[in-house]
Structure formats: structure tokens, C-alpha cells
Amino acid sequence: MENEMVKYTGLDGIKKRLFLEAYSSCGNITKAAEMAGVCRASHYLWINNDESYKIYFAEAEQEAIDRLEAEARRRALNGVAEPVFYQGVECGTIQKYSDTLLIFLLKGAKPQKYRDNVVVDANVNITFEQLLKKALESGE
């Protein structure tokens, strides 16, 4: 953690730097506060009152997201080894991949191709009276 704090040297206060480093690695405010030995509320005080901290926090947040995405990619592409048991005894492992994570990564990388929803843009020029007349004529 000490090596990583070099990137936060423009920020005053060791506690702020410790918190940001912890946050960039875990991505959770409560956990980062515990790791840095600060009160969770301190983060909110800093972010509301220190513009430099706010900028550094945005950077730490992006690093946390990048780590999360890297882990999702690893699990989707490389998988994880899960133990296999026979009669209660572990006898090997099987490599499990996450199709769900792969789908999310594809949707994030190319939403125009892999999106769930389709936008329909239609211009219907018919009045309620015309619609009612057609319904009455057809007996519907």
C-alpha cells in the first residue's frame, strides 16, 4: 500500500491517501474506511469540502471499476477451478466459465450490437376518429 500512495502525494493528509488506496483496491467505502482506520463519514466530509480529494477519489473509483472489470473478464474467459467431490471426498476440479459475465462484457463493449432493447421510432398519422370509424366498419 505504501508504494501506491505515491500517486496521491498531491493530497494533504495521510488518512486521505490511505483511504483512497484502500478504496481503489476494494471499491467499497465502508471497507476502505476500515482498512484505512478512518470513520466512514470522513470520506463524505472530504469529498464535499476538498476539491483535490474529489478529483483523486474519481481516479480511485475508476481504478476500482477497472479491477472489477478485469476480474469479470478473467472469470468469463479463463474460468475458475471448482472442486469435484465423489462420496464426500474431493477427487479433482472442473474449470467453470461464466457465460453471464461474458454476456455483460459484450453488452458493455458493444451495446449497439448486444443490447436487450430495440428502439422503435414510428410515426403513425391516424386520428382516434379514423381508428374508431375503421373499427366500426370492420365490426370489431
Protein backbone atom coordinates (compact mmCIF):
# COMPACT_ATOMS: atom_id res chain seq x y z
CA MET A 1 0.00 0.00 0.00
CA GLU A 2 2.86 2.38 0.76
CA ASN A 3 4.17 2.24 -2.85
CA GLU A 4 0.74 3.03 -4.26
CA MET A 5 0.32 6.12 -2.08
CA VAL A 6 2.87 7.89 -4.29
CA LYS A 7 0.08 8.71 -6.77
CA TYR A 8 -1.82 10.58 -4.06
CA THR A 9 1.10 12.77 -2.94
CA GLY A 10 -0.66 15.93 -4.17
CA LEU A 11 -3.27 15.35 -1.49
CA ASP A 12 -2.87 16.60 2.05
CA GLY A 13 -3.32 14.11 4.87
CA ILE A 14 -2.09 10.54 5.26
CA LYS A 15 -5.58 9.33 6.19
CA LYS A 16 -7.00 10.58 2.89
CA ARG A 17 -4.23 8.86 0.96
CA LEU A 18 -4.67 5.61 2.90
CA PHE A 19 -8.42 5.70 2.29
CA LEU A 20 -8.05 6.32 -1.46
CA GLU A 21 -5.56 3.49 -1.85
CA ALA A 22 -7.80 1.14 0.09
CA TYR A 23 -10.83 2.22 -1.95
CA SER A 24 -9.05 1.73 -5.26
CA SER A 25 -8.31 -1.86 -4.25
CA CYS A 26 -11.66 -2.84 -2.73
CA GLY A 27 -14.23 -0.47 -4.28
CA ASN A 28 -16.27 -0.22 -1.07
CA ILE A 29 -16.41 2.90 1.09
CA THR A 30 -17.12 1.10 4.37
CA LYS A 31 -14.38 -1.48 3.81
CA ALA A 32 -11.89 1.18 2.68
CA ALA A 33 -12.61 3.23 5.80
CA GLU A 34 -11.94 0.16 7.98
CA MET A 35 -8.73 -0.61 6.09
CA ALA A 36 -7.52 3.00 6.41
CA GLY A 37 -8.57 3.31 10.04
CA VAL A 38 -10.90 6.24 9.45
CA CYS A 39 -14.54 6.92 10.09
CA ARG A 40 -16.75 6.26 7.05
CA ALA A 41 -18.22 9.76 7.40
CA SER A 42 -14.75 11.26 6.89
CA HIS A 43 -14.88 10.33 3.23
CA TYR A 44 -18.11 12.31 2.77
CA LEU A 45 -16.66 15.30 4.61
CA TRP A 46 -13.59 15.24 2.40
CA ILE A 47 -15.49 14.81 -0.84
CA ASN A 48 -17.78 17.75 -0.01
CA ASN A 49 -15.03 20.09 1.21
CA ASP A 50 -11.84 19.25 -0.70
CA GLU A 51 -11.78 19.62 -4.49
CA SER A 52 -8.41 17.83 -4.77
CA TYR A 53 -9.77 14.90 -2.82
CA LYS A 54 -12.83 14.76 -5.07
CA ILE A 55 -10.58 14.50 -8.15
CA TYR A 56 -8.40 11.83 -6.57
CA PHE A 57 -11.46 9.90 -5.43
CA ALA A 58 -12.78 9.83 -9.01
CA GLU A 59 -9.44 8.34 -10.07
CA ALA A 60 -9.53 5.76 -7.26
CA GLU A 61 -13.12 4.89 -8.19
CA GLN A 62 -12.10 4.29 -11.82
CA GLU A 63 -9.25 2.05 -10.65
CA ALA A 64 -11.70 0.03 -8.53
CA ILE A 65 -14.02 -0.35 -11.53
CA ASP A 66 -11.10 -1.39 -13.74
CA ARG A 67 -10.11 -4.06 -11.21
CA LEU A 68 -13.69 -5.30 -11.10
CA GLU A 69 -13.87 -5.47 -14.87
CA ALA A 70 -10.54 -7.30 -15.07
CA GLU A 71 -11.83 -9.91 -12.60
CA ALA A 72 -15.08 -10.32 -14.55
CA ARG A 73 -13.07 -10.79 -17.75
CA ARG A 74 -10.78 -13.34 -16.07
CA ARG A 75 -13.74 -15.37 -14.78
CA ALA A 76 -15.53 -15.20 -18.13
CA LEU A 77 -12.53 -16.13 -20.28
CA ASN A 78 -10.25 -18.20 -18.00
CA GLY A 79 -12.84 -19.53 -15.60
CA VAL A 80 -12.32 -20.71 -12.05
CA ALA A 81 -11.41 -24.15 -10.79
CA GLU A 82 -14.26 -25.68 -8.79
CA PRO A 83 -13.70 -28.82 -6.73
CA VAL A 84 -15.40 -32.07 -7.72
CA PHE A 85 -16.45 -34.45 -4.95
CA TYR A 86 -17.20 -38.16 -5.06
CA GLN A 87 -18.72 -39.75 -1.97
CA GLY A 88 -17.74 -36.71 0.07
CA VAL A 89 -14.10 -36.75 -0.97
CA GLU A 90 -12.58 -34.19 -3.32
CA CYS A 91 -11.36 -36.07 -6.38
CA GLY A 92 -10.44 -33.27 -8.76
CA THR A 93 -11.52 -29.95 -10.20
CA ILE A 94 -13.51 -28.72 -13.15
CA GLN A 95 -12.94 -25.39 -14.88
CA LYS A 96 -16.13 -23.30 -14.77
CA TYR A 97 -16.63 -20.29 -17.03
CA SER A 98 -19.23 -17.58 -16.61
CA ASP A 99 -21.43 -17.10 -19.65
CA THR A 100 -23.34 -14.42 -17.76
CA LEU A 101 -20.19 -12.35 -17.19
CA LEU A 102 -19.25 -12.82 -20.85
CA ILE A 103 -22.68 -11.52 -21.91
CA PHE A 104 -22.32 -8.45 -19.67
CA LEU A 105 -18.84 -7.76 -21.02
CA LEU A 106 -20.11 -7.98 -24.61
CA LYS A 107 -23.06 -5.71 -23.84
CA GLY A 108 -20.74 -3.18 -22.24
CA ALA A 109 -18.18 -3.33 -25.05
CA LYS A 110 -20.66 -3.23 -27.95
CA PRO A 111 -24.09 -2.12 -26.72
CA GLN A 112 -25.22 -1.25 -30.23
CA LYS A 113 -24.86 -4.93 -31.19
CA TYR A 114 -25.69 -6.80 -27.97
CA ARG A 115 -28.33 -4.60 -26.33
CA ASP A 116 -31.52 -6.11 -24.92
CA ASN A 117 -33.92 -3.45 -26.10
CA VAL A 118 -34.72 -2.17 -29.54
CA VAL A 119 -35.91 1.37 -30.08
CA VAL A 120 -38.83 1.61 -32.45
CA ASP A 121 -39.36 5.01 -33.97
CA ALA A 122 -42.68 5.11 -35.76
CA ASN A 123 -44.82 7.99 -36.88
CA VAL A 124 -48.47 6.94 -37.04
CA ASN A 125 -50.72 9.52 -38.61
CA ILE A 126 -54.20 8.40 -37.71
CA THR A 127 -56.70 10.14 -35.50
CA PHE A 128 -58.84 8.48 -32.89
CA GLU A 129 -61.92 9.20 -35.00
CA GLN A 130 -60.39 7.45 -38.03
CA LEU A 131 -59.43 4.49 -35.88
CA LEU A 132 -62.93 4.29 -34.38
CA LYS A 133 -64.51 4.53 -37.84
CA LYS A 134 -62.33 1.65 -39.14
CA ALA A 135 -63.22 -0.48 -36.11
CA LEU A 136 -66.96 0.16 -36.58
CA GLU A 137 -66.76 -0.60 -40.30
CA SER A 138 -64.98 -3.89 -39.71
CA GLY A 139 -67.32 -4.90 -36.90
CA GLU A 140 -64.60 -5.19 -34.29
